[in-house]
């Protein structure tokens, strides 16, 4: 099997795995709300937490995180080096955001991104996640912490871990850009002062 075929295979498998929306599956199994029509309309852990409760929010968080770990692991297994895990991670995030199984309407890729950053560049990933948690604890905006996470990760990887490899730099920037783009609604609400903080009621949006 040639390298090109391996990369394509890894990307396709990771995309399909990313397209498995844990939030939607939980909602259907529990006869919960249509996540596309409640809250932010996202299928990720934050919206599940707000609309279905803590238990389902945590299961969604860990499920989306785990599928990213698995996708990157498949990349390592098939290709045998970091570049394949990177391709798998990016494809998994894209699958989560635009799932082929659910009409291309998915989440914002934060939990999946956490799995990817920890698998590919663990030191930068741990630092970014810890800073994210600290930011959320201070400001209580999950969206702000999430965008800080991916932005800091892109900076750390580009400066300290890329070795000047522009493909790695572009990859890290792409992960940050995807997450920030998916938060465009949150950014607008932050500017308007209507973004919900953790624990804040739905009526404030």
N, C-alpha and C. Protein backbone atom coordinates (compact mmCIF):
# COMPACT_ATOMS: atom_id res chain seq x y z
N UNK A 1 0.84 -1.20 0.00
CA UNK A 1 0.00 0.00 0.00
C UNK A 1 0.88 1.25 0.00
N UNK A 2 0.67 2.15 -0.94
CA UNK A 2 1.49 3.36 -1.02
C UNK A 2 1.11 4.35 0.08
N UNK A 3 2.01 5.32 0.31
CA UNK A 3 1.74 6.32 1.34
C UNK A 3 0.48 7.12 1.04
N UNK A 4 0.29 7.47 -0.23
CA UNK A 4 -0.90 8.25 -0.60
C UNK A 4 -2.17 7.49 -0.26
N UNK A 5 -2.19 6.21 -0.61
CA UNK A 5 -3.35 5.38 -0.31
C UNK A 5 -3.57 5.29 1.20
N UNK A 6 -2.50 5.17 1.95
CA UNK A 6 -2.61 5.11 3.40
C UNK A 6 -3.21 6.39 3.96
N UNK A 7 -2.73 7.53 3.47
CA UNK A 7 -3.26 8.82 3.95
C UNK A 7 -4.75 8.94 3.63
N UNK A 8 -5.12 8.55 2.44
CA UNK A 8 -6.54 8.62 2.05
C UNK A 8 -7.38 7.70 2.92
N UNK A 9 -6.89 6.49 3.13
CA UNK A 9 -7.61 5.52 3.96
C UNK A 9 -7.78 6.05 5.38
N UNK A 10 -6.71 6.58 5.93
CA UNK A 10 -6.76 7.14 7.29
C UNK A 10 -7.76 8.28 7.36
N UNK A 11 -7.71 9.18 6.38
CA UNK A 11 -8.61 10.34 6.38
C UNK A 11 -10.07 9.92 6.30
N UNK A 12 -10.35 8.95 5.44
CA UNK A 12 -11.74 8.50 5.26
C UNK A 12 -12.25 7.82 6.53
N UNK A 13 -11.46 6.91 7.09
CA UNK A 13 -11.87 6.21 8.31
C UNK A 13 -12.07 7.18 9.46
N UNK A 14 -11.15 8.14 9.59
CA UNK A 14 -11.25 9.10 10.69
C UNK A 14 -12.45 10.02 10.50
N UNK A 15 -12.71 10.41 9.27
CA UNK A 15 -13.88 11.26 9.01
C UNK A 15 -15.17 10.53 9.37
N UNK A 16 -15.27 9.26 8.97
CA UNK A 16 -16.47 8.49 9.28
C UNK A 16 -16.63 8.29 10.78
N UNK A 17 -15.53 8.07 11.46
CA UNK A 17 -15.58 7.93 12.91
C UNK A 17 -16.00 9.24 13.56
N UNK A 18 -15.46 10.35 13.06
CA UNK A 18 -15.85 11.65 13.58
C UNK A 18 -17.31 11.96 13.35
N UNK A 19 -17.87 11.39 12.28
CA UNK A 19 -19.27 11.65 11.94
C UNK A 19 -20.26 10.95 12.87
N UNK A 20 -19.75 10.07 13.72
CA UNK A 20 -20.61 9.42 14.72
C UNK A 20 -20.88 10.43 15.83
N UNK A 21 -22.04 11.03 15.81
CA UNK A 21 -22.39 12.08 16.77
C UNK A 21 -22.91 11.48 18.07
N UNK A 22 -22.10 11.53 19.09
CA UNK A 22 -22.48 10.95 20.38
C UNK A 22 -23.70 11.67 20.95
N UNK A 23 -23.74 13.00 20.82
CA UNK A 23 -24.85 13.76 21.35
C UNK A 23 -26.18 13.37 20.72
N UNK A 24 -26.20 13.25 19.40
CA UNK A 24 -27.44 12.89 18.71
C UNK A 24 -27.87 11.48 19.08
N UNK A 25 -26.93 10.57 19.15
CA UNK A 25 -27.26 9.18 19.51
C UNK A 25 -27.86 9.12 20.91
N UNK A 26 -27.25 9.85 21.86
CA UNK A 26 -27.79 9.88 23.22
C UNK A 26 -29.18 10.48 23.25
N UNK A 27 -29.38 11.54 22.48
CA UNK A 27 -30.68 12.20 22.44
C UNK A 27 -31.76 11.25 21.91
N UNK A 28 -31.42 10.51 20.86
CA UNK A 28 -32.39 9.59 20.29
C UNK A 28 -32.68 8.43 21.24
N UNK A 29 -31.64 7.89 21.86
CA UNK A 29 -31.82 6.77 22.77
C UNK A 29 -32.63 7.14 24.01
N UNK A 30 -32.49 8.38 24.46
CA UNK A 30 -33.17 8.82 25.68
C UNK A 30 -34.46 9.58 25.37
N UNK A 31 -34.84 9.60 24.08
CA UNK A 31 -36.04 10.34 23.66
C UNK A 31 -35.95 11.81 24.07
N UNK A 32 -34.73 12.35 23.93
CA UNK A 32 -34.50 13.74 24.28
C UNK A 32 -34.84 14.68 23.13
N UNK A 33 -34.47 15.95 23.27
CA UNK A 33 -34.80 16.95 22.25
C UNK A 33 -33.95 16.80 21.00
N UNK A 34 -34.42 17.38 19.92
CA UNK A 34 -33.62 17.48 18.71
C UNK A 34 -32.58 18.55 18.94
N UNK A 35 -31.33 18.15 19.08
CA UNK A 35 -30.28 19.10 19.44
C UNK A 35 -30.11 20.22 18.41
N UNK A 36 -30.53 19.98 17.18
CA UNK A 36 -30.41 21.01 16.15
C UNK A 36 -31.40 22.14 16.35
N UNK A 37 -32.42 21.91 17.18
CA UNK A 37 -33.48 22.91 17.33
C UNK A 37 -33.54 23.52 18.73
N UNK A 38 -32.64 23.13 19.62
CA UNK A 38 -32.64 23.67 20.98
C UNK A 38 -31.28 24.26 21.30
N UNK A 39 -31.27 25.20 22.22
CA UNK A 39 -30.01 25.81 22.63
C UNK A 39 -29.29 26.47 21.48
N UNK A 40 -28.01 26.12 21.35
CA UNK A 40 -27.18 26.70 20.29
C UNK A 40 -27.36 25.99 18.96
N UNK A 41 -28.06 24.84 18.97
CA UNK A 41 -28.22 24.05 17.75
C UNK A 41 -27.07 23.12 17.49
N UNK A 42 -26.07 23.13 18.36
CA UNK A 42 -24.91 22.27 18.21
C UNK A 42 -25.20 20.89 18.79
N UNK A 43 -24.47 19.89 18.29
CA UNK A 43 -24.63 18.52 18.82
C UNK A 43 -23.54 18.16 19.81
N UNK A 44 -22.72 19.13 20.18
CA UNK A 44 -21.60 18.86 21.07
C UNK A 44 -21.98 18.86 22.54
N UNK A 45 -20.97 18.65 23.37
CA UNK A 45 -21.19 18.46 24.80
C UNK A 45 -21.79 19.68 25.48
N UNK A 46 -21.39 20.88 25.08
CA UNK A 46 -21.91 22.10 25.73
C UNK A 46 -23.41 22.21 25.58
N UNK A 47 -23.90 22.00 24.36
CA UNK A 47 -25.34 22.11 24.13
C UNK A 47 -26.09 20.95 24.77
N UNK A 48 -25.49 19.76 24.76
CA UNK A 48 -26.12 18.63 25.44
C UNK A 48 -26.21 18.90 26.94
N UNK A 49 -25.16 19.48 27.51
CA UNK A 49 -25.16 19.83 28.93
C UNK A 49 -26.29 20.80 29.25
N UNK A 50 -26.46 21.82 28.41
CA UNK A 50 -27.49 22.83 28.67
C UNK A 50 -28.90 22.29 28.49
N UNK A 51 -29.09 21.39 27.53
CA UNK A 51 -30.44 20.98 27.17
C UNK A 51 -30.85 19.61 27.72
N UNK A 52 -29.87 18.78 28.09
CA UNK A 52 -30.20 17.44 28.55
C UNK A 52 -29.64 17.11 29.94
N UNK A 53 -28.79 17.97 30.47
CA UNK A 53 -28.29 17.76 31.81
C UNK A 53 -26.84 17.30 31.89
N UNK A 54 -26.33 17.30 33.11
CA UNK A 54 -24.92 17.03 33.34
C UNK A 54 -24.51 15.63 32.91
N UNK A 55 -25.31 14.62 33.23
CA UNK A 55 -24.94 13.24 32.91
C UNK A 55 -24.73 13.07 31.40
N UNK A 56 -25.69 13.52 30.63
CA UNK A 56 -25.58 13.36 29.18
C UNK A 56 -24.48 14.25 28.61
N UNK A 57 -24.30 15.41 29.22
CA UNK A 57 -23.23 16.29 28.77
C UNK A 57 -21.86 15.66 28.95
N UNK A 58 -21.64 15.01 30.09
CA UNK A 58 -20.36 14.37 30.35
C UNK A 58 -20.14 13.16 29.44
N UNK A 59 -21.19 12.38 29.22
CA UNK A 59 -21.06 11.23 28.32
C UNK A 59 -20.71 11.69 26.91
N UNK A 60 -21.35 12.76 26.47
CA UNK A 60 -21.05 13.31 25.15
C UNK A 60 -19.62 13.81 25.08
N UNK A 61 -19.19 14.51 26.11
CA UNK A 61 -17.82 15.04 26.17
C UNK A 61 -16.80 13.92 26.03
N UNK A 62 -16.94 12.90 26.85
CA UNK A 62 -15.96 11.80 26.83
C UNK A 62 -16.09 10.96 25.56
N UNK A 63 -17.31 10.83 25.05
CA UNK A 63 -17.49 10.09 23.81
C UNK A 63 -16.83 10.76 22.63
N UNK A 64 -17.01 12.07 22.50
CA UNK A 64 -16.39 12.81 21.40
C UNK A 64 -14.87 12.86 21.56
N UNK A 65 -14.43 12.96 22.80
CA UNK A 65 -12.99 12.93 23.09
C UNK A 65 -12.41 11.57 22.71
N UNK A 66 -13.11 10.51 23.08
CA UNK A 66 -12.61 9.15 22.83
C UNK A 66 -12.54 8.82 21.34
N UNK A 67 -13.53 9.28 20.57
CA UNK A 67 -13.50 8.96 19.14
C UNK A 67 -12.33 9.65 18.45
N UNK A 68 -11.92 10.81 18.95
CA UNK A 68 -10.74 11.47 18.40
C UNK A 68 -9.46 10.71 18.75
N UNK A 69 -9.39 10.24 19.99
CA UNK A 69 -8.25 9.40 20.38
C UNK A 69 -8.17 8.16 19.51
N UNK A 70 -9.31 7.53 19.29
CA UNK A 70 -9.35 6.32 18.47
C UNK A 70 -8.95 6.62 17.03
N UNK A 71 -9.44 7.72 16.49
CA UNK A 71 -9.10 8.09 15.11
C UNK A 71 -7.60 8.29 14.96
N UNK A 72 -7.00 9.02 15.90
CA UNK A 72 -5.55 9.25 15.83
C UNK A 72 -4.79 7.93 16.02
N UNK A 73 -5.31 7.07 16.90
CA UNK A 73 -4.69 5.77 17.10
C UNK A 73 -4.72 4.93 15.83
N UNK A 74 -5.83 4.99 15.11
CA UNK A 74 -5.92 4.28 13.83
C UNK A 74 -4.90 4.82 12.85
N UNK A 75 -4.73 6.16 12.85
CA UNK A 75 -3.73 6.76 11.99
C UNK A 75 -2.33 6.27 12.30
N UNK A 76 -1.99 6.24 13.58
CA UNK A 76 -0.68 5.71 13.99
C UNK A 76 -0.53 4.25 13.56
N UNK A 77 -1.56 3.47 13.75
CA UNK A 77 -1.50 2.04 13.46
C UNK A 77 -1.31 1.78 11.96
N UNK A 78 -2.04 2.50 11.14
CA UNK A 78 -1.95 2.29 9.69
C UNK A 78 -0.66 2.86 9.12
N UNK A 79 -0.31 4.08 9.54
CA UNK A 79 0.84 4.74 8.92
C UNK A 79 2.14 4.61 9.67
N UNK A 80 2.05 4.48 10.98
CA UNK A 80 3.26 4.26 11.77
C UNK A 80 4.00 5.51 12.19
N UNK A 81 3.48 6.71 11.90
CA UNK A 81 4.16 7.90 12.39
C UNK A 81 3.16 9.03 12.64
N UNK A 82 3.69 10.15 13.17
CA UNK A 82 2.87 11.25 13.62
C UNK A 82 2.02 11.87 12.51
N UNK A 83 2.55 11.94 11.30
CA UNK A 83 1.83 12.60 10.22
C UNK A 83 0.48 11.95 9.95
N UNK A 84 0.41 10.65 10.09
CA UNK A 84 -0.86 9.94 9.87
C UNK A 84 -1.85 10.25 10.99
N UNK A 85 -1.35 10.36 12.22
CA UNK A 85 -2.21 10.72 13.34
C UNK A 85 -2.73 12.14 13.16
N UNK A 86 -1.90 13.02 12.62
CA UNK A 86 -2.33 14.39 12.37
C UNK A 86 -3.44 14.45 11.33
N UNK A 87 -3.26 13.71 10.24
CA UNK A 87 -4.29 13.65 9.20
C UNK A 87 -5.59 13.09 9.78
N UNK A 88 -5.47 12.02 10.56
CA UNK A 88 -6.65 11.40 11.17
C UNK A 88 -7.35 12.36 12.12
N UNK A 89 -6.57 13.07 12.92
CA UNK A 89 -7.16 14.00 13.87
C UNK A 89 -7.95 15.11 13.19
N UNK A 90 -7.36 15.70 12.16
CA UNK A 90 -8.04 16.76 11.43
C UNK A 90 -9.31 16.25 10.76
N UNK A 91 -9.21 15.07 10.15
CA UNK A 91 -10.37 14.48 9.48
C UNK A 91 -11.48 14.15 10.47
N UNK A 92 -11.11 13.70 11.66
CA UNK A 92 -12.09 13.38 12.68
C UNK A 92 -12.84 14.64 13.13
N UNK A 93 -12.11 15.73 13.31
CA UNK A 93 -12.74 16.99 13.71
C UNK A 93 -13.71 17.46 12.63
N UNK A 94 -13.29 17.35 11.37
CA UNK A 94 -14.16 17.74 10.26
C UNK A 94 -15.41 16.87 10.25
N UNK A 95 -15.24 15.57 10.49
CA UNK A 95 -16.38 14.67 10.54
C UNK A 95 -17.32 15.02 11.68
N UNK A 96 -16.76 15.40 12.82
CA UNK A 96 -17.60 15.80 13.95
C UNK A 96 -18.39 17.06 13.63
N UNK A 97 -17.74 18.02 13.00
CA UNK A 97 -18.39 19.29 12.68
C UNK A 97 -19.42 19.16 11.57
N UNK A 98 -19.08 18.32 10.57
CA UNK A 98 -19.96 18.13 9.42
C UNK A 98 -20.15 16.63 9.17
N UNK A 99 -20.97 15.98 10.03
CA UNK A 99 -21.12 14.51 9.98
C UNK A 99 -21.97 14.05 8.80
N UNK A 100 -21.42 13.13 8.04
CA UNK A 100 -22.13 12.62 6.87
C UNK A 100 -23.38 11.86 7.27
N UNK A 101 -23.41 11.31 8.47
CA UNK A 101 -24.55 10.52 8.92
C UNK A 101 -25.71 11.38 9.42
N UNK A 102 -25.46 12.66 9.66
CA UNK A 102 -26.49 13.52 10.26
C UNK A 102 -26.62 14.85 9.51
N UNK A 103 -26.73 14.74 8.20
CA UNK A 103 -27.04 15.89 7.34
C UNK A 103 -26.00 17.02 7.44
N UNK A 104 -24.78 16.68 7.75
CA UNK A 104 -23.68 17.64 7.82
C UNK A 104 -23.89 18.71 8.89
N UNK A 105 -24.69 18.39 9.90
CA UNK A 105 -24.95 19.33 10.99
C UNK A 105 -24.43 18.73 12.30
N UNK A 106 -23.26 19.20 12.72
CA UNK A 106 -22.64 18.61 13.90
C UNK A 106 -22.32 19.62 14.98
N UNK A 107 -21.22 19.37 15.67
CA UNK A 107 -20.83 20.22 16.79
C UNK A 107 -19.76 21.21 16.41
N UNK A 108 -19.03 21.65 17.42
CA UNK A 108 -17.99 22.66 17.20
C UNK A 108 -16.59 22.09 17.32
N UNK A 109 -16.50 20.81 17.65
CA UNK A 109 -15.22 20.11 17.59
C UNK A 109 -14.29 20.32 18.77
N UNK A 110 -14.79 20.85 19.88
CA UNK A 110 -13.90 21.15 21.00
C UNK A 110 -13.41 19.87 21.68
N UNK A 111 -14.33 18.99 22.06
CA UNK A 111 -13.92 17.75 22.72
C UNK A 111 -13.06 16.90 21.79
N UNK A 112 -13.44 16.83 20.52
CA UNK A 112 -12.63 16.09 19.55
C UNK A 112 -11.26 16.71 19.41
N UNK A 113 -11.20 18.04 19.40
CA UNK A 113 -9.91 18.72 19.30
C UNK A 113 -9.03 18.40 20.51
N UNK A 114 -9.64 18.29 21.69
CA UNK A 114 -8.87 17.93 22.88
C UNK A 114 -8.22 16.56 22.72
N UNK A 115 -8.98 15.61 22.18
CA UNK A 115 -8.41 14.29 21.94
C UNK A 115 -7.27 14.33 20.94
N UNK A 116 -7.41 15.16 19.93
CA UNK A 116 -6.39 15.26 18.89
C UNK A 116 -5.12 15.90 19.43
N UNK A 117 -5.26 17.01 20.16
CA UNK A 117 -4.06 17.72 20.62
C UNK A 117 -3.29 16.89 21.64
N UNK A 118 -4.01 16.11 22.46
CA UNK A 118 -3.31 15.28 23.44
C UNK A 118 -2.60 14.09 22.80
N UNK A 119 -3.14 13.61 21.69
CA UNK A 119 -2.53 12.46 21.01
C UNK A 119 -1.33 12.86 20.18
N UNK A 120 -1.41 14.02 19.55
CA UNK A 120 -0.37 14.41 18.60
C UNK A 120 0.79 15.17 19.26
N UNK A 121 0.48 16.18 20.02
CA UNK A 121 1.51 16.97 20.71
C UNK A 121 1.08 17.11 22.17
N UNK A 122 1.31 16.07 22.98
CA UNK A 122 0.74 15.99 24.32
C UNK A 122 1.15 17.12 25.26
N UNK A 123 2.38 17.57 25.21
CA UNK A 123 2.80 18.64 26.12
C UNK A 123 2.05 19.93 25.81
N UNK A 124 2.05 20.31 24.54
CA UNK A 124 1.30 21.50 24.12
C UNK A 124 -0.18 21.31 24.39
N UNK A 125 -0.67 20.09 24.21
CA UNK A 125 -2.07 19.80 24.45
C UNK A 125 -2.46 19.96 25.90
N UNK A 126 -1.64 19.41 26.80
CA UNK A 126 -1.93 19.52 28.24
C UNK A 126 -1.91 20.97 28.69
N UNK A 127 -0.89 21.72 28.26
CA UNK A 127 -0.80 23.13 28.63
C UNK A 127 -2.04 23.89 28.15
N UNK A 128 -2.42 23.65 26.90
CA UNK A 128 -3.57 24.36 26.32
C UNK A 128 -4.86 24.03 27.05
N UNK A 129 -5.06 22.76 27.38
CA UNK A 129 -6.28 22.35 28.06
C UNK A 129 -6.33 22.92 29.48
N UNK A 130 -5.20 22.93 30.18
CA UNK A 130 -5.17 23.49 31.53
C UNK A 130 -5.47 24.99 31.52
N UNK A 131 -4.91 25.69 30.54
CA UNK A 131 -5.20 27.13 30.42
C UNK A 131 -6.67 27.33 30.09
N UNK A 132 -7.21 26.48 29.21
CA UNK A 132 -8.64 26.54 28.86
C UNK A 132 -9.50 26.40 30.11
N UNK A 133 -9.20 25.41 30.94
CA UNK A 133 -9.97 25.19 32.17
C UNK A 133 -9.89 26.40 33.08
N UNK A 134 -8.69 26.98 33.20
CA UNK A 134 -8.51 28.17 34.04
C UNK A 134 -9.32 29.35 33.52
N UNK A 135 -9.31 29.54 32.21
CA UNK A 135 -10.07 30.65 31.61
C UNK A 135 -11.57 30.47 31.86
N UNK A 136 -12.06 29.24 31.67
CA UNK A 136 -13.48 28.98 31.89
C UNK A 136 -13.84 29.19 33.36
N UNK A 137 -12.96 28.79 34.26
CA UNK A 137 -13.21 28.96 35.69
C UNK A 137 -13.32 30.43 36.06
N UNK A 138 -12.54 31.27 35.38
CA UNK A 138 -12.53 32.70 35.69
C UNK A 138 -13.72 33.43 35.04
N UNK A 139 -13.90 33.22 33.72
CA UNK A 139 -14.92 33.99 33.01
C UNK A 139 -16.25 33.27 32.86
N UNK A 140 -16.25 31.94 33.04
CA UNK A 140 -17.46 31.09 32.97
C UNK A 140 -18.05 31.02 31.57
N UNK A 141 -17.27 31.36 30.58
CA UNK A 141 -17.69 31.19 29.19
C UNK A 141 -16.97 29.99 28.58
N UNK A 142 -17.69 28.92 28.28
CA UNK A 142 -17.07 27.76 27.67
C UNK A 142 -16.51 28.11 26.31
N UNK A 143 -17.21 28.95 25.57
CA UNK A 143 -16.78 29.32 24.22
C UNK A 143 -15.43 30.03 24.25
N UNK A 144 -15.25 30.93 25.20
CA UNK A 144 -13.98 31.67 25.29
C UNK A 144 -12.84 30.71 25.62
N UNK A 145 -13.06 29.85 26.59
CA UNK A 145 -12.03 28.88 26.95
C UNK A 145 -11.68 27.97 25.79
N UNK A 146 -12.68 27.57 25.03
CA UNK A 146 -12.45 26.68 23.89
C UNK A 146 -11.59 27.35 22.82
N UNK A 147 -11.89 28.61 22.53
CA UNK A 147 -11.11 29.32 21.51
C UNK A 147 -9.70 29.63 21.99
N UNK A 148 -9.56 29.89 23.29
CA UNK A 148 -8.22 30.08 23.85
C UNK A 148 -7.41 28.79 23.71
N UNK A 149 -8.06 27.66 23.97
CA UNK A 149 -7.39 26.36 23.88
C UNK A 149 -6.75 26.14 22.51
N UNK A 150 -7.56 26.26 21.46
CA UNK A 150 -7.04 25.94 20.13
C UNK A 150 -6.05 26.99 19.65
N UNK A 151 -6.26 28.25 20.05
CA UNK A 151 -5.33 29.31 19.65
C UNK A 151 -3.98 29.12 20.31
N UNK A 152 -3.98 28.84 21.60
CA UNK A 152 -2.73 28.61 22.33
C UNK A 152 -2.02 27.38 21.79
N UNK A 153 -2.78 26.32 21.50
CA UNK A 153 -2.17 25.11 20.96
C UNK A 153 -1.47 25.41 19.63
N UNK A 154 -2.13 26.16 18.76
CA UNK A 154 -1.53 26.50 17.47
C UNK A 154 -0.23 27.29 17.65
N UNK A 155 -0.23 28.20 18.61
CA UNK A 155 0.97 29.01 18.87
C UNK A 155 2.09 28.14 19.41
N UNK A 156 1.78 27.31 20.40
CA UNK A 156 2.81 26.46 21.01
C UNK A 156 3.41 25.50 20.00
N UNK A 157 2.56 24.85 19.21
CA UNK A 157 3.05 23.90 18.21
C UNK A 157 3.89 24.61 17.16
N UNK A 158 3.43 25.76 16.70
CA UNK A 158 4.14 26.49 15.65
C UNK A 158 5.51 26.97 16.12
N UNK A 159 5.57 27.42 17.35
CA UNK A 159 6.81 28.01 17.86
C UNK A 159 7.78 26.97 18.40
N UNK A 160 7.26 25.98 19.14
CA UNK A 160 8.15 25.08 19.87
C UNK A 160 8.24 23.65 19.33
N UNK A 161 7.23 23.19 18.60
CA UNK A 161 7.19 21.77 18.25
C UNK A 161 7.16 21.47 16.76
N UNK A 162 7.07 22.47 15.93
CA UNK A 162 6.96 22.22 14.49
C UNK A 162 8.31 22.00 13.82
N UNK A 163 9.37 22.48 14.46
CA UNK A 163 10.69 22.40 13.83
C UNK A 163 10.75 23.17 12.53
N UNK A 164 9.89 24.16 12.40
CA UNK A 164 9.85 24.95 11.17
C UNK A 164 9.13 24.29 10.02
N UNK A 165 8.53 23.14 10.27
CA UNK A 165 7.80 22.43 9.22
C UNK A 165 6.47 23.15 8.96
N UNK A 166 6.34 23.74 7.78
CA UNK A 166 5.15 24.56 7.50
C UNK A 166 3.87 23.72 7.43
N UNK A 167 4.01 22.43 7.11
CA UNK A 167 2.82 21.57 7.09
C UNK A 167 2.25 21.39 8.50
N UNK A 168 3.14 21.23 9.48
CA UNK A 168 2.69 21.11 10.86
C UNK A 168 2.07 22.42 11.33
N UNK A 169 2.69 23.53 10.97
CA UNK A 169 2.15 24.85 11.35
C UNK A 169 0.77 25.06 10.75
N UNK A 170 0.62 24.76 9.46
CA UNK A 170 -0.68 24.91 8.81
C UNK A 170 -1.73 24.00 9.42
N UNK A 171 -1.31 22.80 9.79
CA UNK A 171 -2.22 21.84 10.43
C UNK A 171 -2.73 22.40 11.75
N UNK A 172 -1.83 22.93 12.57
CA UNK A 172 -2.23 23.48 13.87
C UNK A 172 -3.13 24.69 13.69
N UNK A 173 -2.81 25.53 12.71
CA UNK A 173 -3.65 26.70 12.43
C UNK A 173 -5.02 26.25 11.94
N UNK A 174 -5.06 25.20 11.13
CA UNK A 174 -6.35 24.71 10.61
C UNK A 174 -7.25 24.24 11.74
N UNK A 175 -6.69 23.54 12.72
CA UNK A 175 -7.49 23.08 13.86
C UNK A 175 -8.06 24.27 14.62
N UNK A 176 -7.22 25.29 14.84
CA UNK A 176 -7.70 26.49 15.53
C UNK A 176 -8.77 27.20 14.71
N UNK A 177 -8.53 27.33 13.40
CA UNK A 177 -9.47 28.05 12.53
C UNK A 177 -10.83 27.36 12.48
N UNK A 178 -10.83 26.03 12.41
CA UNK A 178 -12.09 25.28 12.37
C UNK A 178 -12.91 25.53 13.63
N UNK A 179 -12.25 25.49 14.78
CA UNK A 179 -12.94 25.67 16.05
C UNK A 179 -13.48 27.10 16.17
N UNK A 180 -12.64 28.08 15.84
CA UNK A 180 -13.06 29.47 15.96
C UNK A 180 -14.19 29.78 14.99
N UNK A 181 -14.10 29.24 13.76
CA UNK A 181 -15.17 29.45 12.79
C UNK A 181 -16.49 28.89 13.29
N UNK A 182 -16.44 27.71 13.89
CA UNK A 182 -17.67 27.09 14.40
C UNK A 182 -18.25 27.87 15.58
N UNK A 183 -17.45 28.73 16.17
CA UNK A 183 -17.92 29.56 17.29
C UNK A 183 -18.33 30.96 16.83
N UNK A 184 -18.57 31.15 15.54
CA UNK A 184 -18.89 32.50 15.07
C UNK A 184 -20.16 33.04 15.73
N UNK A 185 -21.13 32.17 15.99
CA UNK A 185 -22.34 32.62 16.68
C UNK A 185 -22.04 33.05 18.10
N UNK A 186 -21.16 32.29 18.77
CA UNK A 186 -20.78 32.65 20.14
C UNK A 186 -20.03 33.98 20.16
N UNK A 187 -19.18 34.18 19.17
CA UNK A 187 -18.44 35.45 19.10
C UNK A 187 -19.40 36.62 18.97
N UNK A 188 -20.40 36.46 18.13
CA UNK A 188 -21.40 37.51 17.96
C UNK A 188 -22.15 37.78 19.26
N UNK A 189 -22.52 36.71 19.96
CA UNK A 189 -23.23 36.89 21.23
C UNK A 189 -22.33 37.51 22.29
N UNK A 190 -21.04 37.17 22.27
CA UNK A 190 -20.11 37.80 23.21
C UNK A 190 -20.04 39.30 22.98
N UNK A 191 -20.02 39.70 21.71
CA UNK A 191 -19.98 41.12 21.38
C UNK A 191 -21.26 41.83 21.82
N UNK A 192 -22.38 41.11 21.75
CA UNK A 192 -23.68 41.69 22.11
C UNK A 192 -23.96 41.59 23.60
N UNK A 193 -23.13 40.82 24.31
CA UNK A 193 -23.34 40.63 25.74
C UNK A 193 -24.44 39.66 26.07
N UNK A 194 -24.79 38.78 25.11
CA UNK A 194 -25.87 37.82 25.34
C UNK A 194 -25.39 36.37 25.43
N UNK A 195 -24.09 36.16 25.36
CA UNK A 195 -23.56 34.80 25.48
C UNK A 195 -23.80 34.27 26.88
N UNK A 196 -24.28 33.03 26.98
CA UNK A 196 -24.58 32.43 28.28
C UNK A 196 -23.31 31.97 28.98
N UNK A 197 -23.25 32.23 30.26
CA UNK A 197 -22.20 31.70 31.10
C UNK A 197 -22.65 30.34 31.63
N UNK A 198 -21.73 29.58 32.17
CA UNK A 198 -22.08 28.29 32.78
C UNK A 198 -23.11 28.51 33.88
N UNK A 199 -24.20 27.79 33.79
CA UNK A 199 -25.25 27.89 34.81
C UNK A 199 -26.28 28.96 34.55
N UNK A 200 -26.05 29.77 33.50
CA UNK A 200 -27.00 30.83 33.19
C UNK A 200 -28.20 30.29 32.44
N UNK A 201 -29.35 30.88 32.63
CA UNK A 201 -30.60 30.38 32.07
C UNK A 201 -30.68 30.66 30.57
N UNK A 202 -31.45 29.84 29.88
CA UNK A 202 -31.64 29.94 28.43
C UNK A 202 -32.18 31.28 28.01
N UNK A 203 -33.01 31.93 28.82
CA UNK A 203 -33.69 33.16 28.43
C UNK A 203 -32.75 34.32 28.21
N UNK A 204 -31.49 34.23 28.68
CA UNK A 204 -30.56 35.34 28.52
C UNK A 204 -30.01 35.43 27.11
N UNK A 205 -30.19 34.38 26.28
CA UNK A 205 -29.64 34.41 24.92
C UNK A 205 -30.53 35.21 23.99
